[in-house]
Amino acid sequence: MKKYVTPVIVMLISLSALAVLPFSGCASENEPIRIHIRADSDSDVDQAIKYVVRDKIVEYLTPRVGSARSRAEAYRIVKSCAGEAEDIAEDILSACGFGYGANAYVARETFPDRTYGDVTYPAGEYDALIVELGSGEGANWWCVAYPPLCFYGEDGSVEYASIIAELIAAL
């Protein structure tokens, strides 16, 4: 009997230790997904085209990500849209005569904290759709794509919304 007790105790202790360790690389359902657009430089023209690209990419992504029923689904949607986001940026840059291209991909990056109304997302590492215009060395713009908190009003101003708040208000 003693020869079975010791291995069982060791196994139980090992399993207990595993249960309390965080699973790195696994995002929680509440962790946001961000959009991050980096301009080629800080020149006025590069900053202006960054906002044109931003508007078109947000317009493209909003209905797609807005239909996601979970973070995992939103992540899959954002990842599958990276190629189209790059094409959108490339088309805009080409049509406007810019001599550089774009690169879009999904990666985990460090972001500063951000507040949307009463909701603050702390600084930390988050999954994001990154769109680099040219060298990507200019000032950047970013927003939370999931849950979808950043939308644009008709006048171009930023409006903050929350699907949860909208559902509660509809009750």
N, C-alpha and C. Protein backbone atom coordinates (compact mmCIF):
# COMPACT_ATOMS: atom_id res chain seq x y z
N MET A 1 0.81 -1.19 0.00
CA MET A 1 0.00 0.00 0.00
C MET A 1 0.86 1.27 0.00
N LYS A 2 1.96 1.27 0.80
CA LYS A 2 2.82 2.43 0.88
C LYS A 2 3.47 2.74 -0.46
N LYS A 3 3.73 1.71 -1.25
CA LYS A 3 4.38 1.97 -2.53
C LYS A 3 3.45 2.70 -3.50
N TYR A 4 2.13 2.71 -3.27
CA TYR A 4 1.18 3.44 -4.11
C TYR A 4 0.88 4.83 -3.56
N VAL A 5 0.97 5.02 -2.27
CA VAL A 5 0.62 6.28 -1.63
C VAL A 5 1.61 7.38 -2.03
N THR A 6 2.89 7.12 -1.97
CA THR A 6 3.89 8.13 -2.28
C THR A 6 3.76 8.63 -3.73
N PRO A 7 3.68 7.76 -4.74
CA PRO A 7 3.52 8.27 -6.11
C PRO A 7 2.21 9.04 -6.30
N VAL A 8 1.15 8.62 -5.65
CA VAL A 8 -0.13 9.32 -5.77
C VAL A 8 -0.02 10.71 -5.15
N ILE A 9 0.63 10.82 -4.00
CA ILE A 9 0.80 12.13 -3.36
C ILE A 9 1.66 13.03 -4.23
N VAL A 10 2.73 12.51 -4.78
CA VAL A 10 3.60 13.30 -5.67
C VAL A 10 2.81 13.77 -6.88
N MET A 11 2.00 12.90 -7.46
CA MET A 11 1.20 13.26 -8.62
C MET A 11 0.18 14.34 -8.26
N LEU A 12 -0.48 14.22 -7.13
CA LEU A 12 -1.46 15.22 -6.71
C LEU A 12 -0.81 16.58 -6.47
N ILE A 13 0.36 16.59 -5.84
CA ILE A 13 1.08 17.84 -5.61
C ILE A 13 1.48 18.47 -6.95
N SER A 14 1.95 17.66 -7.88
CA SER A 14 2.33 18.17 -9.20
C SER A 14 1.14 18.77 -9.93
N LEU A 15 0.02 18.07 -9.92
CA LEU A 15 -1.18 18.58 -10.58
C LEU A 15 -1.68 19.85 -9.91
N SER A 16 -1.57 19.94 -8.60
CA SER A 16 -1.99 21.15 -7.88
C SER A 16 -1.12 22.33 -8.30
N ALA A 17 0.16 22.09 -8.42
CA ALA A 17 1.07 23.17 -8.83
C ALA A 17 0.73 23.64 -10.23
N LEU A 18 0.43 22.73 -11.13
CA LEU A 18 0.08 23.11 -12.49
C LEU A 18 -1.21 23.92 -12.54
N ALA A 19 -2.13 23.61 -11.67
CA ALA A 19 -3.43 24.29 -11.67
C ALA A 19 -3.31 25.76 -11.30
N VAL A 20 -2.31 26.12 -10.52
CA VAL A 20 -2.18 27.51 -10.10
C VAL A 20 -1.24 28.32 -10.99
N LEU A 21 -0.54 27.68 -11.89
CA LEU A 21 0.35 28.40 -12.79
C LEU A 21 -0.45 29.08 -13.89
N PRO A 22 -0.10 30.32 -14.25
CA PRO A 22 -0.81 30.97 -15.34
C PRO A 22 -0.45 30.31 -16.67
N PHE A 23 -1.38 30.30 -17.57
CA PHE A 23 -1.14 29.76 -18.90
C PHE A 23 -0.69 30.90 -19.79
N SER A 24 0.60 31.03 -20.01
CA SER A 24 1.11 32.12 -20.82
C SER A 24 0.69 31.91 -22.27
N GLY A 25 0.43 33.02 -22.94
CA GLY A 25 0.04 32.96 -24.34
C GLY A 25 -1.44 32.74 -24.54
N CYS A 26 -2.19 32.51 -23.49
CA CYS A 26 -3.63 32.31 -23.60
C CYS A 26 -4.31 33.58 -23.15
N ALA A 27 -4.96 34.26 -24.05
CA ALA A 27 -5.65 35.49 -23.69
C ALA A 27 -6.97 35.17 -23.03
N SER A 28 -7.32 35.97 -22.03
CA SER A 28 -8.61 35.76 -21.38
C SER A 28 -9.71 36.32 -22.26
N GLU A 29 -10.93 35.87 -22.01
CA GLU A 29 -12.09 36.32 -22.80
C GLU A 29 -12.28 37.83 -22.68
N ASN A 30 -11.82 38.42 -21.58
CA ASN A 30 -12.01 39.86 -21.35
C ASN A 30 -10.88 40.70 -21.93
N GLU A 31 -9.81 40.08 -22.40
CA GLU A 31 -8.68 40.84 -22.91
C GLU A 31 -9.01 41.42 -24.28
N PRO A 32 -8.78 42.72 -24.45
CA PRO A 32 -9.12 43.34 -25.74
C PRO A 32 -8.14 42.97 -26.85
N ILE A 33 -8.60 43.18 -28.06
CA ILE A 33 -7.77 43.08 -29.25
C ILE A 33 -7.70 44.50 -29.82
N ARG A 34 -6.53 44.91 -30.19
CA ARG A 34 -6.36 46.30 -30.62
C ARG A 34 -6.01 46.41 -32.10
N ILE A 35 -6.20 47.60 -32.62
CA ILE A 35 -5.76 47.97 -33.97
C ILE A 35 -4.66 49.00 -33.75
N HIS A 36 -3.54 48.82 -34.43
CA HIS A 36 -2.39 49.71 -34.25
C HIS A 36 -1.88 50.11 -35.63
N ILE A 37 -1.97 51.38 -35.96
CA ILE A 37 -1.52 51.86 -37.27
C ILE A 37 -0.35 52.81 -37.06
N ARG A 38 0.77 52.49 -37.70
CA ARG A 38 2.00 53.28 -37.57
C ARG A 38 2.29 54.01 -38.87
N ALA A 39 2.47 55.31 -38.77
CA ALA A 39 2.81 56.13 -39.93
C ALA A 39 4.27 55.91 -40.33
N ASP A 40 4.57 56.25 -41.58
CA ASP A 40 5.95 56.14 -42.06
C ASP A 40 6.87 57.11 -41.31
N SER A 41 6.38 58.32 -41.08
CA SER A 41 7.18 59.33 -40.38
C SER A 41 6.23 60.28 -39.65
N ASP A 42 6.80 61.30 -39.05
CA ASP A 42 5.99 62.29 -38.35
C ASP A 42 5.65 63.50 -39.22
N SER A 43 5.97 63.43 -40.52
CA SER A 43 5.64 64.55 -41.41
C SER A 43 4.12 64.69 -41.47
N ASP A 44 3.67 65.90 -41.78
CA ASP A 44 2.23 66.16 -41.85
C ASP A 44 1.53 65.26 -42.87
N VAL A 45 2.17 65.04 -44.01
CA VAL A 45 1.53 64.23 -45.05
C VAL A 45 1.46 62.76 -44.64
N ASP A 46 2.50 62.25 -44.00
CA ASP A 46 2.48 60.85 -43.54
C ASP A 46 1.47 60.65 -42.42
N GLN A 47 1.33 61.65 -41.56
CA GLN A 47 0.33 61.55 -40.50
C GLN A 47 -1.08 61.63 -41.08
N ALA A 48 -1.26 62.47 -42.09
CA ALA A 48 -2.59 62.60 -42.71
C ALA A 48 -3.00 61.30 -43.40
N ILE A 49 -2.08 60.67 -44.13
CA ILE A 49 -2.44 59.42 -44.83
C ILE A 49 -2.70 58.30 -43.82
N LYS A 50 -2.04 58.35 -42.67
CA LYS A 50 -2.29 57.36 -41.62
C LYS A 50 -3.76 57.39 -41.23
N TYR A 51 -4.34 58.58 -41.12
CA TYR A 51 -5.75 58.70 -40.72
C TYR A 51 -6.70 58.26 -41.83
N VAL A 52 -6.31 58.46 -43.07
CA VAL A 52 -7.12 57.97 -44.18
C VAL A 52 -7.14 56.44 -44.15
N VAL A 53 -5.97 55.85 -43.98
CA VAL A 53 -5.87 54.39 -43.88
C VAL A 53 -6.66 53.89 -42.67
N ARG A 54 -6.51 54.56 -41.55
CA ARG A 54 -7.26 54.19 -40.34
C ARG A 54 -8.75 54.14 -40.60
N ASP A 55 -9.27 55.19 -41.21
CA ASP A 55 -10.72 55.26 -41.45
C ASP A 55 -11.21 54.09 -42.29
N LYS A 56 -10.47 53.76 -43.34
CA LYS A 56 -10.89 52.67 -44.23
C LYS A 56 -10.75 51.30 -43.56
N ILE A 57 -9.71 51.11 -42.79
CA ILE A 57 -9.53 49.82 -42.11
C ILE A 57 -10.57 49.64 -41.01
N VAL A 58 -10.85 50.70 -40.25
CA VAL A 58 -11.88 50.61 -39.22
C VAL A 58 -13.24 50.37 -39.87
N GLU A 59 -13.51 51.04 -40.97
CA GLU A 59 -14.76 50.83 -41.71
C GLU A 59 -14.89 49.37 -42.17
N TYR A 60 -13.79 48.80 -42.62
CA TYR A 60 -13.78 47.40 -43.07
C TYR A 60 -13.95 46.43 -41.90
N LEU A 61 -13.23 46.67 -40.81
CA LEU A 61 -13.23 45.73 -39.69
C LEU A 61 -14.47 45.80 -38.80
N THR A 62 -15.04 46.98 -38.63
CA THR A 62 -16.11 47.16 -37.65
C THR A 62 -17.27 46.17 -37.81
N PRO A 63 -17.85 46.00 -38.99
CA PRO A 63 -18.96 45.04 -39.07
C PRO A 63 -18.51 43.59 -38.88
N ARG A 64 -17.30 43.29 -39.26
CA ARG A 64 -16.80 41.92 -39.14
C ARG A 64 -16.54 41.56 -37.68
N VAL A 65 -15.77 42.41 -37.00
CA VAL A 65 -15.45 42.13 -35.61
C VAL A 65 -16.68 42.33 -34.73
N GLY A 66 -17.54 43.26 -35.11
CA GLY A 66 -18.76 43.52 -34.34
C GLY A 66 -19.69 42.33 -34.29
N SER A 67 -19.56 41.42 -35.25
CA SER A 67 -20.43 40.23 -35.26
C SER A 67 -19.88 39.09 -34.42
N ALA A 68 -18.66 39.25 -33.90
CA ALA A 68 -18.04 38.17 -33.12
C ALA A 68 -18.78 37.97 -31.81
N ARG A 69 -18.96 36.70 -31.46
CA ARG A 69 -19.66 36.36 -30.21
C ARG A 69 -18.70 36.05 -29.07
N SER A 70 -17.40 36.03 -29.37
CA SER A 70 -16.41 35.75 -28.34
C SER A 70 -15.08 36.38 -28.75
N ARG A 71 -14.17 36.48 -27.80
CA ARG A 71 -12.85 37.01 -28.10
C ARG A 71 -12.13 36.10 -29.08
N ALA A 72 -12.26 34.79 -28.89
CA ALA A 72 -11.59 33.84 -29.78
C ALA A 72 -12.08 34.02 -31.21
N GLU A 73 -13.37 34.22 -31.38
CA GLU A 73 -13.91 34.43 -32.73
C GLU A 73 -13.42 35.76 -33.29
N ALA A 74 -13.40 36.81 -32.45
CA ALA A 74 -12.90 38.11 -32.90
C ALA A 74 -11.44 38.01 -33.32
N TYR A 75 -10.64 37.27 -32.56
CA TYR A 75 -9.23 37.09 -32.90
C TYR A 75 -9.09 36.41 -34.26
N ARG A 76 -9.87 35.36 -34.49
CA ARG A 76 -9.82 34.67 -35.79
C ARG A 76 -10.22 35.61 -36.93
N ILE A 77 -11.23 36.43 -36.68
CA ILE A 77 -11.68 37.38 -37.71
C ILE A 77 -10.58 38.39 -38.01
N VAL A 78 -10.01 38.98 -36.95
CA VAL A 78 -8.96 39.99 -37.14
C VAL A 78 -7.77 39.37 -37.87
N LYS A 79 -7.39 38.18 -37.46
CA LYS A 79 -6.24 37.51 -38.10
C LYS A 79 -6.54 37.23 -39.58
N SER A 80 -7.76 36.80 -39.87
CA SER A 80 -8.10 36.50 -41.27
C SER A 80 -8.24 37.77 -42.12
N CYS A 81 -8.44 38.91 -41.47
CA CYS A 81 -8.60 40.18 -42.19
C CYS A 81 -7.28 40.93 -42.39
N ALA A 82 -6.19 40.43 -41.84
CA ALA A 82 -4.91 41.14 -41.93
C ALA A 82 -4.49 41.36 -43.38
N GLY A 83 -4.65 40.35 -44.22
CA GLY A 83 -4.27 40.49 -45.62
C GLY A 83 -5.09 41.56 -46.34
N GLU A 84 -6.40 41.57 -46.08
CA GLU A 84 -7.26 42.59 -46.69
C GLU A 84 -6.94 43.98 -46.15
N ALA A 85 -6.62 44.07 -44.86
CA ALA A 85 -6.23 45.36 -44.27
C ALA A 85 -4.96 45.88 -44.95
N GLU A 86 -4.03 44.98 -45.20
CA GLU A 86 -2.80 45.38 -45.90
C GLU A 86 -3.12 45.85 -47.32
N ASP A 87 -4.00 45.13 -48.01
CA ASP A 87 -4.41 45.53 -49.36
C ASP A 87 -5.07 46.90 -49.36
N ILE A 88 -5.93 47.15 -48.38
CA ILE A 88 -6.60 48.46 -48.28
C ILE A 88 -5.55 49.55 -48.13
N ALA A 89 -4.61 49.36 -47.21
CA ALA A 89 -3.55 50.35 -46.99
C ALA A 89 -2.71 50.54 -48.25
N GLU A 90 -2.33 49.44 -48.89
CA GLU A 90 -1.52 49.51 -50.12
C GLU A 90 -2.26 50.27 -51.22
N ASP A 91 -3.54 49.99 -51.39
CA ASP A 91 -4.34 50.66 -52.43
C ASP A 91 -4.40 52.17 -52.18
N ILE A 92 -4.62 52.56 -50.93
CA ILE A 92 -4.68 53.99 -50.60
C ILE A 92 -3.34 54.66 -50.85
N LEU A 93 -2.27 54.03 -50.39
CA LEU A 93 -0.93 54.62 -50.57
C LEU A 93 -0.61 54.76 -52.06
N SER A 94 -0.92 53.74 -52.83
CA SER A 94 -0.65 53.76 -54.27
C SER A 94 -1.48 54.83 -54.97
N ALA A 95 -2.78 54.88 -54.66
CA ALA A 95 -3.68 55.85 -55.29
C ALA A 95 -3.28 57.29 -54.98
N CYS A 96 -2.66 57.49 -53.83
CA CYS A 96 -2.26 58.84 -53.41
C CYS A 96 -0.81 59.15 -53.78
N GLY A 97 -0.14 58.23 -54.49
CA GLY A 97 1.20 58.48 -54.99
C GLY A 97 2.33 58.34 -53.99
N PHE A 98 2.10 57.62 -52.91
CA PHE A 98 3.18 57.41 -51.94
C PHE A 98 4.16 56.38 -52.47
N GLY A 99 5.42 56.58 -52.20
CA GLY A 99 6.47 55.70 -52.69
C GLY A 99 6.80 54.55 -51.75
N TYR A 100 5.95 54.29 -50.81
CA TYR A 100 6.18 53.17 -49.89
C TYR A 100 4.90 52.36 -49.78
N GLY A 101 5.05 51.15 -49.26
CA GLY A 101 3.92 50.24 -49.13
C GLY A 101 3.48 50.09 -47.69
N ALA A 102 2.77 49.00 -47.45
CA ALA A 102 2.23 48.73 -46.11
C ALA A 102 2.46 47.26 -45.77
N ASN A 103 2.46 47.00 -44.49
CA ASN A 103 2.58 45.64 -43.99
C ASN A 103 1.58 45.49 -42.84
N ALA A 104 0.73 44.47 -42.90
CA ALA A 104 -0.25 44.25 -41.83
C ALA A 104 -0.10 42.82 -41.31
N TYR A 105 -0.17 42.68 -40.00
CA TYR A 105 -0.03 41.37 -39.37
C TYR A 105 -0.61 41.44 -37.96
N VAL A 106 -0.86 40.30 -37.38
CA VAL A 106 -1.35 40.24 -36.01
C VAL A 106 -0.20 39.78 -35.12
N ALA A 107 0.01 40.50 -34.03
CA ALA A 107 1.09 40.17 -33.10
C ALA A 107 0.69 40.64 -31.71
N ARG A 108 1.47 40.22 -30.74
CA ARG A 108 1.26 40.63 -29.35
C ARG A 108 2.24 41.76 -29.08
N GLU A 109 1.72 42.91 -28.63
CA GLU A 109 2.56 44.08 -28.39
C GLU A 109 2.22 44.73 -27.07
N THR A 110 3.14 45.56 -26.59
CA THR A 110 2.93 46.31 -25.36
C THR A 110 2.26 47.64 -25.69
N PHE A 111 1.20 47.94 -24.93
CA PHE A 111 0.47 49.19 -25.11
C PHE A 111 0.38 49.93 -23.78
N PRO A 112 0.27 51.28 -23.85
CA PRO A 112 0.03 52.04 -22.62
C PRO A 112 -1.43 51.90 -22.20
N ASP A 113 -1.76 52.42 -21.03
CA ASP A 113 -3.16 52.34 -20.61
C ASP A 113 -4.02 53.26 -21.47
N ARG A 114 -5.32 52.95 -21.52
CA ARG A 114 -6.26 53.73 -22.33
C ARG A 114 -7.61 53.71 -21.65
N THR A 115 -8.27 54.87 -21.60
CA THR A 115 -9.58 54.97 -20.99
C THR A 115 -10.61 55.33 -22.05
N TYR A 116 -11.71 54.59 -22.05
CA TYR A 116 -12.86 54.84 -22.90
C TYR A 116 -14.04 55.09 -21.98
N GLY A 117 -14.42 56.34 -21.82
CA GLY A 117 -15.52 56.64 -20.89
C GLY A 117 -15.14 56.18 -19.50
N ASP A 118 -15.89 55.22 -18.96
CA ASP A 118 -15.64 54.71 -17.61
C ASP A 118 -14.78 53.45 -17.59
N VAL A 119 -14.33 52.99 -18.76
CA VAL A 119 -13.56 51.75 -18.85
C VAL A 119 -12.10 52.08 -19.12
N THR A 120 -11.21 51.58 -18.27
CA THR A 120 -9.78 51.77 -18.47
C THR A 120 -9.12 50.42 -18.73
N TYR A 121 -8.37 50.36 -19.82
CA TYR A 121 -7.58 49.18 -20.11
C TYR A 121 -6.16 49.47 -19.65
N PRO A 122 -5.63 48.66 -18.73
CA PRO A 122 -4.29 48.93 -18.19
C PRO A 122 -3.20 48.68 -19.24
N ALA A 123 -2.08 49.30 -19.02
CA ALA A 123 -0.92 49.06 -19.87
C ALA A 123 -0.57 47.58 -19.79
N GLY A 124 -0.08 47.04 -20.89
CA GLY A 124 0.31 45.64 -20.90
C GLY A 124 0.41 45.11 -22.31
N GLU A 125 0.60 43.81 -22.42
CA GLU A 125 0.71 43.16 -23.72
C GLU A 125 -0.67 42.72 -24.19
N TYR A 126 -0.97 43.06 -25.45
CA TYR A 126 -2.25 42.72 -26.05
C TYR A 126 -2.05 42.26 -27.49
N ASP A 127 -2.96 41.42 -27.96
CA ASP A 127 -2.97 41.05 -29.37
C ASP A 127 -3.46 42.26 -30.15
N ALA A 128 -2.87 42.46 -31.33
CA ALA A 128 -3.26 43.62 -32.13
C ALA A 128 -3.06 43.33 -33.61
N LEU A 129 -3.92 43.96 -34.42
CA LEU A 129 -3.68 44.04 -35.85
C LEU A 129 -2.78 45.24 -36.03
N ILE A 130 -1.56 45.01 -36.48
CA ILE A 130 -0.59 46.09 -36.68
C ILE A 130 -0.51 46.38 -38.17
N VAL A 131 -0.65 47.65 -38.51
CA VAL A 131 -0.52 48.08 -39.90
C VAL A 131 0.60 49.11 -39.93
N GLU A 132 1.70 48.73 -40.57
CA GLU A 132 2.86 49.62 -40.70
C GLU A 132 2.83 50.25 -42.09
N LEU A 133 2.86 51.55 -42.12
CA LEU A 133 2.92 52.28 -43.39
C LEU A 133 4.38 52.67 -43.62
N GLY A 134 4.94 52.20 -44.72
CA GLY A 134 6.35 52.45 -44.99
C GLY A 134 7.22 51.86 -43.89
N SER A 135 8.09 52.70 -43.34
CA SER A 135 9.00 52.24 -42.28
C SER A 135 8.29 52.02 -40.95
N GLY A 136 7.12 52.61 -40.80
CA GLY A 136 6.38 52.48 -39.55
C GLY A 136 7.03 53.20 -38.38
N GLU A 137 7.87 54.20 -38.68
CA GLU A 137 8.62 54.88 -37.62
C GLU A 137 7.98 56.17 -37.15
N GLY A 138 6.83 56.54 -37.71
CA GLY A 138 6.16 57.77 -37.29
C GLY A 138 5.23 57.54 -36.13
N ALA A 139 4.58 58.61 -35.71
CA ALA A 139 3.61 58.52 -34.61
C ALA A 139 2.51 57.53 -35.00
N ASN A 140 1.99 56.87 -33.99
CA ASN A 140 1.01 55.82 -34.26
C ASN A 140 -0.36 56.19 -33.74
N TRP A 141 -1.35 55.43 -34.18
CA TRP A 141 -2.73 55.54 -33.70
C TRP A 141 -3.17 54.14 -33.33
N TRP A 142 -3.92 54.02 -32.24
CA TRP A 142 -4.45 52.70 -31.89
C TRP A 142 -5.77 52.84 -31.16
N CYS A 143 -6.51 51.75 -31.20
CA CYS A 143 -7.83 51.71 -30.60
C CYS A 143 -8.16 50.26 -30.26
N VAL A 144 -9.20 50.07 -29.46
CA VAL A 144 -9.65 48.72 -29.12
C VAL A 144 -10.63 48.24 -30.19
N ALA A 145 -10.27 47.13 -30.84
CA ALA A 145 -11.13 46.55 -31.88
C ALA A 145 -12.15 45.58 -31.29
N TYR A 146 -11.74 44.89 -30.22
CA TYR A 146 -12.66 43.97 -29.54
C TYR A 146 -12.39 44.01 -28.05
N PRO A 147 -13.40 44.24 -27.22
CA PRO A 147 -14.76 44.53 -27.66
C PRO A 147 -14.78 45.86 -28.42
N PRO A 148 -15.67 45.98 -29.40
CA PRO A 148 -15.65 47.18 -30.26
C PRO A 148 -16.03 48.43 -29.48
N LEU A 149 -15.03 49.22 -29.10
CA LEU A 149 -15.27 50.42 -28.30
C LEU A 149 -15.03 51.72 -29.06
N CYS A 150 -14.40 51.68 -30.20
CA CYS A 150 -14.04 52.92 -30.88
C CYS A 150 -14.75 53.01 -32.23
N PHE A 151 -15.62 53.99 -32.35
CA PHE A 151 -16.34 54.22 -33.59
C PHE A 151 -16.20 55.70 -33.95
N TYR A 152 -16.56 56.05 -35.17
CA TYR A 152 -16.45 57.43 -35.62
C TYR A 152 -17.81 58.00 -35.91
N GLY A 153 -18.03 59.24 -35.46
CA GLY A 153 -19.27 59.95 -35.75
C GLY A 153 -19.23 60.49 -37.16
N GLU A 154 -20.35 61.04 -37.60
CA GLU A 154 -20.44 61.58 -38.96
C GLU A 154 -19.47 62.72 -39.19
N ASP A 155 -19.15 63.48 -38.13
CA ASP A 155 -18.23 64.61 -38.27
C ASP A 155 -16.77 64.21 -38.14
N GLY A 156 -16.51 62.89 -38.01
CA GLY A 156 -15.14 62.41 -37.90
C GLY A 156 -14.64 62.34 -36.47
N SER A 157 -15.45 62.81 -35.52
CA SER A 157 -15.02 62.75 -34.13
C SER A 157 -15.13 61.32 -33.62
N VAL A 158 -14.34 61.02 -32.63
CA VAL A 158 -14.37 59.68 -32.05
C VAL A 158 -15.55 59.58 -31.11
N GLU A 159 -16.30 58.50 -31.24
CA GLU A 159 -17.39 58.21 -30.32
C GLU A 159 -17.05 56.89 -29.65
N TYR A 160 -17.35 56.80 -28.37
CA TYR A 160 -17.07 55.58 -27.64
C TYR A 160 -18.38 54.85 -27.40
N ALA A 161 -18.36 53.56 -27.61
CA ALA A 161 -19.57 52.77 -27.44
C ALA A 161 -19.20 51.43 -26.84
N SER A 162 -20.18 50.80 -26.26
CA SER A 162 -19.99 49.48 -25.70
C SER A 162 -21.22 48.66 -26.02
N ILE A 163 -21.01 47.50 -26.59
CA ILE A 163 -22.14 46.63 -26.90
C ILE A 163 -22.89 46.27 -25.64
N ILE A 164 -22.18 46.03 -24.54
CA ILE A 164 -22.82 45.68 -23.28
C ILE A 164 -23.72 46.83 -22.81
N ALA A 165 -23.21 48.06 -22.86
CA ALA A 165 -24.01 49.20 -22.44
C ALA A 165 -25.24 49.37 -23.33
N GLU A 166 -25.08 49.14 -24.63
CA GLU A 166 -26.22 49.24 -25.55
C GLU A 166 -27.27 48.19 -25.25
N LEU A 167 -26.84 46.97 -24.93
CA LEU A 167 -27.80 45.92 -24.59
C LEU A 167 -28.55 46.24 -23.30
N ILE A 168 -27.84 46.76 -22.31
CA ILE A 168 -28.48 47.13 -21.05
C ILE A 168 -29.47 48.28 -21.28
N ALA A 169 -29.09 49.26 -22.08
CA ALA A 169 -29.97 50.40 -22.35
C ALA A 169 -31.23 49.97 -23.10
N ALA A 170 -31.13 48.91 -23.88
CA ALA A 170 -32.28 48.43 -24.66
C ALA A 170 -33.29 47.68 -23.81
N LEU A 171 -32.92 47.30 -22.58
CA LEU A 171 -33.85 46.55 -21.71
C LEU A 171 -34.96 47.41 -21.18
